[in-house]
Amino acid sequence: RGLSPQPPLKMVAAPPDAELASSLARRTLLTTQKGCWAGWEVSFDPRTGRPKPLDDAYVAEELREWGQSPLGWETFVEDSGEDSLWQRSGFRVLPEAGCAADEVAVAPFSWGVDLASCRVVASSHGILAADSPRRPSGECGSAVSQPFVDVRTIFGPSDLGDRIRVDVKVDAASCTIISCVVCAERRDSSTEPPFSSPPKPGSARAKGLDSSSVSSRCGPCFVTSKDGAASFDEDGATKLELVD
């Protein structure tokens, strides 16, 4: 009262702490995970916790006869990203024997997610997580008819590799695990096949990629048929113990 009129104040709102933390976490995930990786991808049975061998349709007859069906896929993947888009393209190596192993066949795949629609967390211990609600799109067959949550967690270097990716689909209503895939990966080079020489149209063979090179770069499978166990709480929640 009694003062001359003051100019109006212009209020500038700072980003909420949660929004800023999520933005930094997205940037951390995209920058630290960018590049090429080689390793193993293993699916675990959510009812038993044990690794699931590859379907016989993907395994050479000789390997099946010798009882050598792999417990997972040897994989080569490349992660990239810009803004909030996290993308992955890669190849799964088809298990073969004999002369076919001199130039192995691969199956390409690709994947992507908008991190802006995810809950993204980057911990001080090098653990990254990107969780998002999903509606069934057929990837789990007819077993899933209700919305679920994709829980994607990446752990840093360990005895198993340069990173460990754990991708779990969870029925949030019952805390039941629908599917569980674990990937143990090492850093790899984009100048090596199959990144540098993907299969030509009409062919599945990656030029210059033989079984010896695959084994050297992907390393040994990190699980055995004896690994894994599952337990279920009274409320129906699932707990998996994957590797000893």
C-alpha atoms as a PDB file:
ATOM      1  CA  ARG A   1       0.000   0.000   0.000  1.00  0.00           C
ATOM      2  CA  GLY A   2       1.317   3.410  -0.952  1.00  0.00           C
ATOM      3  CA  LEU A   3       3.927   1.948  -3.360  1.00  0.00           C
ATOM      4  CA  SER A   4       4.010   2.664  -7.066  1.00  0.00           C
ATOM      5  CA  PRO A   5       2.761  -0.162  -9.324  1.00  0.00           C
ATOM      6  CA  GLN A   6       5.371  -2.881  -9.776  1.00  0.00           C
ATOM      7  CA  PRO A   7       6.019  -4.682 -13.072  1.00  0.00           C
ATOM      8  CA  PRO A   8       4.365  -8.110 -13.168  1.00  0.00           C
ATOM      9  CA  LEU A   9       6.571 -11.051 -12.266  1.00  0.00           C
ATOM     10  CA  LYS A  10       7.131 -13.719 -14.909  1.00  0.00           C
ATOM     11  CA  MET A  11       7.122 -17.168 -13.347  1.00  0.00           C
ATOM     12  CA  VAL A  12       9.326 -19.820 -14.931  1.00  0.00           C
ATOM     13  CA  ALA A  13       8.585 -23.350 -13.802  1.00  0.00           C
ATOM     14  CA  ALA A  14      11.557 -25.703 -13.463  1.00  0.00           C
ATOM     15  CA  PRO A  15      11.087 -29.297 -14.557  1.00  0.00           C
ATOM     16  CA  PRO A  16       9.904 -31.520 -11.738  1.00  0.00           C
ATOM     17  CA  ASP A  17      12.655 -33.646 -10.222  1.00  0.00           C
ATOM     18  CA  ALA A  18      11.060 -36.851 -11.490  1.00  0.00           C
ATOM     19  CA  GLU A  19      10.853 -35.565 -15.055  1.00  0.00           C
ATOM     20  CA  LEU A  20      14.466 -34.372 -14.998  1.00  0.00           C
ATOM     21  CA  ALA A  21      15.658 -37.692 -13.558  1.00  0.00           C
ATOM     22  CA  SER A  22      13.750 -39.617 -16.234  1.00  0.00           C
ATOM     23  CA  SER A  23      15.239 -37.452 -18.988  1.00  0.00           C
ATOM     24  CA  LEU A  24      18.763 -38.019 -17.682  1.00  0.00           C
ATOM     25  CA  ALA A  25      18.085 -41.745 -17.349  1.00  0.00           C
ATOM     26  CA  ARG A  26      16.918 -41.942 -20.976  1.00  0.00           C
ATOM     27  CA  ARG A  27      20.057 -40.169 -22.137  1.00  0.00           C
ATOM     28  CA  THR A  28      22.239 -42.466 -20.013  1.00  0.00           C
ATOM     29  CA  LEU A  29      20.577 -45.580 -21.392  1.00  0.00           C
ATOM     30  CA  LEU A  30      20.893 -44.510 -25.026  1.00  0.00           C
ATOM     31  CA  THR A  31      24.510 -43.345 -24.772  1.00  0.00           C
ATOM     32  CA  THR A  32      25.914 -46.209 -22.684  1.00  0.00           C
ATOM     33  CA  GLN A  33      24.157 -49.022 -24.555  1.00  0.00           C
ATOM     34  CA  LYS A  34      24.800 -47.761 -28.068  1.00  0.00           C
ATOM     35  CA  GLY A  35      26.916 -50.078 -30.200  1.00  0.00           C
ATOM     36  CA  CYS A  36      27.312 -53.728 -31.144  1.00  0.00           C
ATOM     37  CA  TRP A  37      27.075 -56.707 -28.824  1.00  0.00           C
ATOM     38  CA  ALA A  38      27.553 -60.481 -29.100  1.00  0.00           C
ATOM     39  CA  GLY A  39      26.377 -63.126 -26.665  1.00  0.00           C
ATOM     40  CA  TRP A  40      23.656 -65.569 -25.653  1.00  0.00           C
ATOM     41  CA  GLU A  41      19.895 -65.161 -25.365  1.00  0.00           C
ATOM     42  CA  VAL A  42      18.134 -67.702 -23.132  1.00  0.00           C
ATOM     43  CA  SER A  43      14.416 -68.044 -22.379  1.00  0.00           C
ATOM     44  CA  PHE A  44      13.405 -69.397 -18.987  1.00  0.00           C
ATOM     45  CA  ASP A  45      10.202 -71.263 -18.201  1.00  0.00           C
ATOM     46  CA  PRO A  46       8.258 -69.085 -15.699  1.00  0.00           C
ATOM     47  CA  ARG A  47       6.710 -72.231 -14.154  1.00  0.00           C
ATOM     48  CA  THR A  48      10.008 -73.987 -13.379  1.00  0.00           C
ATOM     49  CA  GLY A  49      12.716 -71.323 -13.690  1.00  0.00           C
ATOM     50  CA  ARG A  50      14.706 -73.661 -15.954  1.00  0.00           C
ATOM     51  CA  PRO A  51      16.128 -72.679 -19.360  1.00  0.00           C
ATOM     52  CA  LYS A  52      14.059 -73.733 -22.342  1.00  0.00           C
ATOM     53  CA  PRO A  53      15.995 -75.458 -25.170  1.00  0.00           C
ATOM     54  CA  LEU A  54      15.419 -74.168 -28.668  1.00  0.00           C
ATOM     55  CA  ASP A  55      12.526 -75.679 -30.566  1.00  0.00           C
ATOM     56  CA  ASP A  56      13.589 -78.651 -32.709  1.00  0.00           C
ATOM     57  CA  ALA A  57      12.454 -76.762 -35.809  1.00  0.00           C
ATOM     58  CA  TYR A  58      15.458 -74.434 -35.435  1.00  0.00           C
ATOM     59  CA  VAL A  59      18.098 -77.089 -34.672  1.00  0.00           C
ATOM     60  CA  ALA A  60      20.009 -79.159 -37.241  1.00  0.00           C
ATOM     61  CA  GLU A  61      19.035 -82.848 -37.251  1.00  0.00           C
ATOM     62  CA  GLU A  62      22.620 -83.930 -36.481  1.00  0.00           C
ATOM     63  CA  LEU A  63      22.671 -81.820 -33.312  1.00  0.00           C
ATOM     64  CA  ARG A  64      19.340 -83.236 -32.169  1.00  0.00           C
ATOM     65  CA  GLU A  65      20.566 -86.799 -32.729  1.00  0.00           C
ATOM     66  CA  TRP A  66      23.706 -86.099 -30.691  1.00  0.00           C
ATOM     67  CA  GLY A  67      21.667 -84.552 -27.886  1.00  0.00           C
ATOM     68  CA  GLN A  68      23.284 -81.159 -28.429  1.00  0.00           C
ATOM     69  CA  SER A  69      20.266 -78.893 -28.833  1.00  0.00           C
ATOM     70  CA  PRO A  70      21.350 -75.452 -27.531  1.00  0.00           C
ATOM     71  CA  LEU A  71      19.700 -73.893 -24.492  1.00  0.00           C
ATOM     72  CA  GLY A  72      19.509 -70.547 -26.249  1.00  0.00           C
ATOM     73  CA  TRP A  73      20.484 -68.399 -29.206  1.00  0.00           C
ATOM     74  CA  GLU A  74      23.905 -67.041 -30.034  1.00  0.00           C
ATOM     75  CA  THR A  75      23.143 -63.470 -31.021  1.00  0.00           C
ATOM     76  CA  PHE A  76      24.656 -60.351 -32.547  1.00  0.00           C
ATOM     77  CA  VAL A  77      22.788 -57.120 -31.802  1.00  0.00           C
ATOM     78  CA  GLU A  78      23.263 -53.418 -32.405  1.00  0.00           C
ATOM     79  CA  ASP A  79      21.617 -50.843 -30.157  1.00  0.00           C
ATOM     80  CA  SER A  80      21.032 -47.306 -31.358  1.00  0.00           C
ATOM     81  CA  GLY A  81      18.898 -44.372 -30.350  1.00  0.00           C
ATOM     82  CA  GLU A  82      18.015 -40.758 -30.888  1.00  0.00           C
ATOM     83  CA  ASP A  83      15.935 -38.456 -28.688  1.00  0.00           C
ATOM     84  CA  SER A  84      13.748 -40.968 -26.841  1.00  0.00           C
ATOM     85  CA  LEU A  85      13.662 -43.763 -29.440  1.00  0.00           C
ATOM     86  CA  TRP A  86      15.595 -46.880 -28.416  1.00  0.00           C
ATOM     87  CA  GLN A  87      16.158 -49.278 -31.301  1.00  0.00           C
ATOM     88  CA  ARG A  88      17.730 -52.708 -31.630  1.00  0.00           C
ATOM     89  CA  SER A  89      18.513 -54.749 -34.734  1.00  0.00           C
ATOM     90  CA  GLY A  90      20.322 -58.033 -34.793  1.00  0.00           C
ATOM     91  CA  PHE A  91      20.780 -61.613 -35.851  1.00  0.00           C
ATOM     92  CA  ARG A  92      20.144 -64.959 -34.175  1.00  0.00           C
ATOM     93  CA  VAL A  93      22.544 -67.681 -35.316  1.00  0.00           C
ATOM     94  CA  LEU A  94      20.790 -70.845 -36.482  1.00  0.00           C
ATOM     95  CA  PRO A  95      22.428 -73.932 -34.878  1.00  0.00           C
ATOM     96  CA  GLU A  96      24.077 -76.050 -37.594  1.00  0.00           C
ATOM     97  CA  ALA A  97      26.713 -78.761 -37.948  1.00  0.00           C
ATOM     98  CA  GLY A  98      29.118 -80.081 -40.561  1.00  0.00           C
ATOM     99  CA  CYS A  99      29.936 -78.040 -43.659  1.00  0.00           C
ATOM    100  CA  ALA A 100      27.052 -75.657 -42.973  1.00  0.00           C
ATOM    101  CA  ALA A 101      29.036 -74.345 -40.006  1.00  0.00           C
ATOM    102  CA  ASP A 102      31.636 -72.849 -42.368  1.00  0.00           C
ATOM    103  CA  GLU A 103      29.216 -70.043 -43.256  1.00  0.00           C
ATOM    104  CA  VAL A 104      26.404 -70.009 -40.745  1.00  0.00           C
ATOM    105  CA  ALA A 105      22.818 -68.969 -41.343  1.00  0.00           C
ATOM    106  CA  VAL A 106      21.311 -66.144 -39.325  1.00  0.00           C
ATOM    107  CA  ALA A 107      17.786 -64.874 -38.727  1.00  0.00           C
ATOM    108  CA  PRO A 108      17.453 -61.074 -38.568  1.00  0.00           C
ATOM    109  CA  PHE A 109      15.195 -59.304 -36.094  1.00  0.00           C
ATOM    110  CA  SER A 110      14.476 -55.726 -35.035  1.00  0.00           C
ATOM    111  CA  TRP A 111      12.843 -53.989 -32.109  1.00  0.00           C
ATOM    112  CA  GLY A 112      12.168 -50.501 -30.860  1.00  0.00           C
ATOM    113  CA  VAL A 113      10.470 -48.619 -28.029  1.00  0.00           C
ATOM    114  CA  ASP A 114       9.669 -44.994 -27.271  1.00  0.00           C
ATOM    115  CA  LEU A 115      11.356 -44.355 -23.936  1.00  0.00           C
ATOM    116  CA  ALA A 116       9.123 -41.324 -23.393  1.00  0.00           C
ATOM    117  CA  SER A 117       6.298 -43.801 -22.767  1.00  0.00           C
ATOM    118  CA  CYS A 118       8.398 -45.837 -20.308  1.00  0.00           C
ATOM    119  CA  ARG A 119       9.434 -45.489 -16.708  1.00  0.00           C
ATOM    120  CA  VAL A 120      13.217 -45.206 -17.100  1.00  0.00           C
ATOM    121  CA  VAL A 121      15.643 -45.402 -14.183  1.00  0.00           C
ATOM    122  CA  ALA A 122      19.457 -45.237 -14.088  1.00  0.00           C
ATOM    123  CA  SER A 123      20.958 -46.204 -10.734  1.00  0.00           C
ATOM    124  CA  SER A 124      24.330 -45.185  -9.368  1.00  0.00           C
ATOM    125  CA  HIS A 125      25.336 -48.858  -9.482  1.00  0.00           C
ATOM    126  CA  GLY A 126      25.159 -49.012 -13.276  1.00  0.00           C
ATOM    127  CA  ILE A 127      21.734 -50.668 -13.424  1.00  0.00           C
ATOM    128  CA  LEU A 128      19.325 -49.390 -16.069  1.00  0.00           C
ATOM    129  CA  ALA A 129      15.602 -50.112 -16.258  1.00  0.00           C
ATOM    130  CA  ALA A 130      12.880 -49.238 -18.765  1.00  0.00           C
ATOM    131  CA  ASP A 131       9.389 -50.457 -17.885  1.00  0.00           C
ATOM    132  CA  SER A 132       6.229 -49.948 -19.917  1.00  0.00           C
ATOM    133  CA  PRO A 133       2.630 -51.234 -19.859  1.00  0.00           C
ATOM    134  CA  ARG A 134       1.650 -53.252 -22.915  1.00  0.00           C
ATOM    135  CA  ARG A 135      -1.364 -54.851 -24.486  1.00  0.00           C
ATOM    136  CA  PRO A 136      -1.030 -58.347 -25.961  1.00  0.00           C
ATOM    137  CA  SER A 137       0.139 -58.339 -29.577  1.00  0.00           C
ATOM    138  CA  GLY A 138       0.486 -62.075 -30.128  1.00  0.00           C
ATOM    139  CA  GLU A 139       4.114 -62.522 -29.047  1.00  0.00           C
ATOM    140  CA  CYS A 140       3.034 -64.667 -26.091  1.00  0.00           C
ATOM    141  CA  GLY A 141       0.509 -66.708 -28.053  1.00  0.00           C
ATOM    142  CA  SER A 142      -2.979 -67.230 -26.684  1.00  0.00           C
ATOM    143  CA  ALA A 143      -1.736 -67.561 -23.101  1.00  0.00           C
ATOM    144  CA  VAL A 144      -1.932 -63.807 -22.491  1.00  0.00           C
ATOM    145  CA  SER A 145      -5.165 -61.912 -22.981  1.00  0.00           C
ATOM    146  CA  GLN A 146      -4.791 -59.132 -20.411  1.00  0.00           C
ATOM    147  CA  PRO A 147      -2.502 -56.075 -20.423  1.00  0.00           C
ATOM    148  CA  PHE A 148       0.927 -56.698 -18.919  1.00  0.00           C
ATOM    149  CA  VAL A 149       4.105 -54.806 -18.079  1.00  0.00           C
ATOM    150  CA  ASP A 150       7.386 -55.132 -19.959  1.00  0.00           C
ATOM    151  CA  VAL A 151      10.186 -54.920 -17.392  1.00  0.00           C
ATOM    152  CA  ARG A 152      13.564 -54.407 -19.094  1.00  0.00           C
ATOM    153  CA  THR A 153      16.622 -54.285 -16.839  1.00  0.00           C
ATOM    154  CA  ILE A 154      20.275 -53.990 -17.868  1.00  0.00           C
ATOM    155  CA  PHE A 155      23.081 -54.824 -15.451  1.00  0.00           C
ATOM    156  CA  GLY A 156      26.665 -53.715 -15.974  1.00  0.00           C
ATOM    157  CA  PRO A 157      29.844 -55.803 -16.348  1.00  0.00           C
ATOM    158  CA  SER A 158      30.065 -59.087 -14.467  1.00  0.00           C
ATOM    159  CA  ASP A 159      31.593 -62.540 -14.802  1.00  0.00           C
ATOM    160  CA  LEU A 160      28.955 -63.294 -17.451  1.00  0.00           C
ATOM    161  CA  GLY A 161      29.793 -60.418 -19.813  1.00  0.00           C
ATOM    162  CA  ASP A 162      29.922 -56.679 -20.384  1.00  0.00           C
ATOM    163  CA  ARG A 163      26.189 -56.402 -19.790  1.00  0.00           C
ATOM    164  CA  ILE A 164      23.305 -58.632 -18.726  1.00  0.00           C
ATOM    165  CA  ARG A 165      19.840 -57.879 -20.100  1.00  0.00           C
ATOM    166  CA  VAL A 166      16.821 -59.279 -18.286  1.00  0.00           C
ATOM    167  CA  ASP A 167      13.500 -58.856 -20.094  1.00  0.00           C
ATOM    168  CA  VAL A 168      10.443 -59.969 -18.139  1.00  0.00           C
ATOM    169  CA  LYS A 169       6.747 -59.719 -18.945  1.00  0.00           C
ATOM    170  CA  VAL A 170       4.655 -59.441 -15.790  1.00  0.00           C
ATOM    171  CA  ASP A 171       0.934 -59.676 -15.132  1.00  0.00           C
ATOM    172  CA  ALA A 172       0.780 -56.682 -12.819  1.00  0.00           C
ATOM    173  CA  ALA A 173      -2.561 -57.717 -11.307  1.00  0.00           C
ATOM    174  CA  SER A 174      -1.205 -60.988  -9.906  1.00  0.00           C
ATOM    175  CA  CYS A 175       2.580 -60.303  -9.956  1.00  0.00           C
ATOM    176  CA  THR A 176       2.916 -63.389 -12.141  1.00  0.00           C
ATOM    177  CA  ILE A 177       5.803 -63.708 -14.570  1.00  0.00           C
ATOM    178  CA  ILE A 178       4.560 -64.458 -18.087  1.00  0.00           C
ATOM    179  CA  SER A 179       7.931 -64.770 -19.795  1.00  0.00           C
ATOM    180  CA  CYS A 180      11.590 -64.269 -18.891  1.00  0.00           C
ATOM    181  CA  VAL A 181      14.514 -63.803 -21.300  1.00  0.00           C
ATOM    182  CA  VAL A 182      18.104 -63.226 -20.170  1.00  0.00           C
ATOM    183  CA  CYS A 183      20.937 -62.113 -22.462  1.00  0.00           C
ATOM    184  CA  ALA A 184      24.613 -62.143 -21.469  1.00  0.00           C
ATOM    185  CA  GLU A 185      26.605 -60.050 -23.954  1.00  0.00           C
ATOM    186  CA  ARG A 186      30.064 -58.751 -24.745  1.00  0.00           C
ATOM    187  CA  ARG A 187      31.020 -55.619 -26.630  1.00  0.00           C
ATOM    188  CA  ASP A 188      31.509 -56.395 -30.335  1.00  0.00           C
ATOM    189  CA  SER A 189      32.617 -54.604 -33.514  1.00  0.00           C
ATOM    190  CA  SER A 190      30.495 -53.242 -36.342  1.00  0.00           C
ATOM    191  CA  THR A 191      33.324 -54.062 -38.774  1.00  0.00           C
ATOM    192  CA  GLU A 192      32.826 -57.813 -38.286  1.00  0.00           C
ATOM    193  CA  PRO A 193      30.164 -60.031 -39.868  1.00  0.00           C
ATOM    194  CA  PRO A 194      27.201 -60.227 -39.726  1.00  0.00           C
ATOM    195  CA  PHE A 195      27.117 -56.453 -39.096  1.00  0.00           C
ATOM    196  CA  SER A 196      29.540 -55.741 -41.959  1.00  0.00           C
ATOM    197  CA  SER A 197      28.157 -58.403 -44.328  1.00  0.00           C
ATOM    198  CA  PRO A 198      24.495 -59.189 -43.674  1.00  0.00           C
ATOM    199  CA  PRO A 199      22.868 -61.925 -45.756  1.00  0.00           C
ATOM    200  CA  LYS A 200      21.942 -60.982 -49.289  1.00  0.00           C
ATOM    201  CA  PRO A 201      18.278 -60.994 -50.308  1.00  0.00           C
ATOM    202  CA  GLY A 202      17.046 -64.566 -50.693  1.00  0.00           C
ATOM    203  CA  SER A 203      19.833 -65.998 -48.527  1.00  0.00           C
ATOM    204  CA  ALA A 204      20.282 -66.574 -44.785  1.00  0.00           C
ATOM    205  CA  ARG A 205      24.064 -67.007 -44.968  1.00  0.00           C
ATOM    206  CA  ALA A 206      26.272 -64.268 -43.509  1.00  0.00           C
ATOM    207  CA  LYS A 207      29.451 -64.079 -45.578  1.00  0.00           C
ATOM    208  CA  GLY A 208      32.600 -64.523 -43.502  1.00  0.00           C
ATOM    209  CA  LEU A 209      30.789 -65.719 -40.393  1.00  0.00           C
ATOM    210  CA  ASP A 210      31.698 -69.298 -39.388  1.00  0.00           C
ATOM    211  CA  SER A 211      30.872 -71.274 -36.256  1.00  0.00           C
ATOM    212  CA  SER A 212      34.387 -70.828 -34.831  1.00  0.00           C
ATOM    213  CA  SER A 213      34.104 -67.032 -35.022  1.00  0.00           C
ATOM    214  CA  VAL A 214      30.615 -67.152 -33.529  1.00  0.00           C
ATOM    215  CA  SER A 215      31.810 -69.240 -30.567  1.00  0.00           C
ATOM    216  CA  SER A 216      34.803 -66.995 -29.968  1.00  0.00           C
ATOM    217  CA  ARG A 217      32.788 -63.766 -29.990  1.00  0.00           C
ATOM    218  CA  CYS A 218      29.636 -64.964 -28.216  1.00  0.00           C
ATOM    219  CA  GLY A 219      31.432 -67.099 -25.649  1.00  0.00           C
ATOM    220  CA  PRO A 220      29.971 -70.145 -23.879  1.00  0.00           C
ATOM    221  CA  CYS A 221      26.334 -70.348 -22.854  1.00  0.00           C
ATOM    222  CA  PHE A 222      25.953 -69.061 -19.310  1.00  0.00           C
ATOM    223  CA  VAL A 223      23.452 -71.697 -18.149  1.00  0.00           C
ATOM    224  CA  THR A 224      23.159 -75.478 -17.983  1.00  0.00           C
ATOM    225  CA  SER A 225      20.085 -77.670 -18.069  1.00  0.00           C
ATOM    226  CA  LYS A 226      20.374 -78.068 -14.270  1.00  0.00           C
ATOM    227  CA  ASP A 227      20.156 -74.332 -13.552  1.00  0.00           C
ATOM    228  CA  GLY A 228      16.970 -72.574 -12.538  1.00  0.00           C
ATOM    229  CA  ALA A 229      14.205 -72.921  -9.980  1.00  0.00           C
ATOM    230  CA  ALA A 230      10.814 -71.322  -9.379  1.00  0.00           C
ATOM    231  CA  SER A 231       8.720 -70.679  -6.290  1.00  0.00           C
ATOM    232  CA  PHE A 232       5.251 -69.238  -5.851  1.00  0.00           C
ATOM    233  CA  ASP A 233       3.939 -67.166  -2.947  1.00  0.00           C
ATOM    234  CA  GLU A 234       0.513 -67.644  -1.439  1.00  0.00           C
ATOM    235  CA  ASP A 235      -0.723 -64.565  -3.289  1.00  0.00           C
ATOM    236  CA  GLY A 236       0.346 -66.128  -6.623  1.00  0.00           C
ATOM    237  CA  ALA A 237       3.505 -64.043  -7.093  1.00  0.00           C
ATOM    238  CA  THR A 238       6.305 -65.793  -8.980  1.00  0.00           C
ATOM    239  CA  LYS A 239       9.978 -65.850  -7.995  1.00  0.00           C
ATOM    240  CA  LEU A 240      12.632 -67.218 -10.329  1.00  0.00           C
ATOM    241  CA  GLU A 241      16.175 -68.212  -9.358  1.00  0.00           C
ATOM    242  CA  LEU A 242      17.889 -68.536 -12.734  1.00  0.00           C
ATOM    243  CA  VAL A 243      21.608 -69.190 -12.366  1.00  0.00           C
ATOM    244  CA  ASP A 244      23.529 -70.457  -9.330  1.00  0.00           C
END
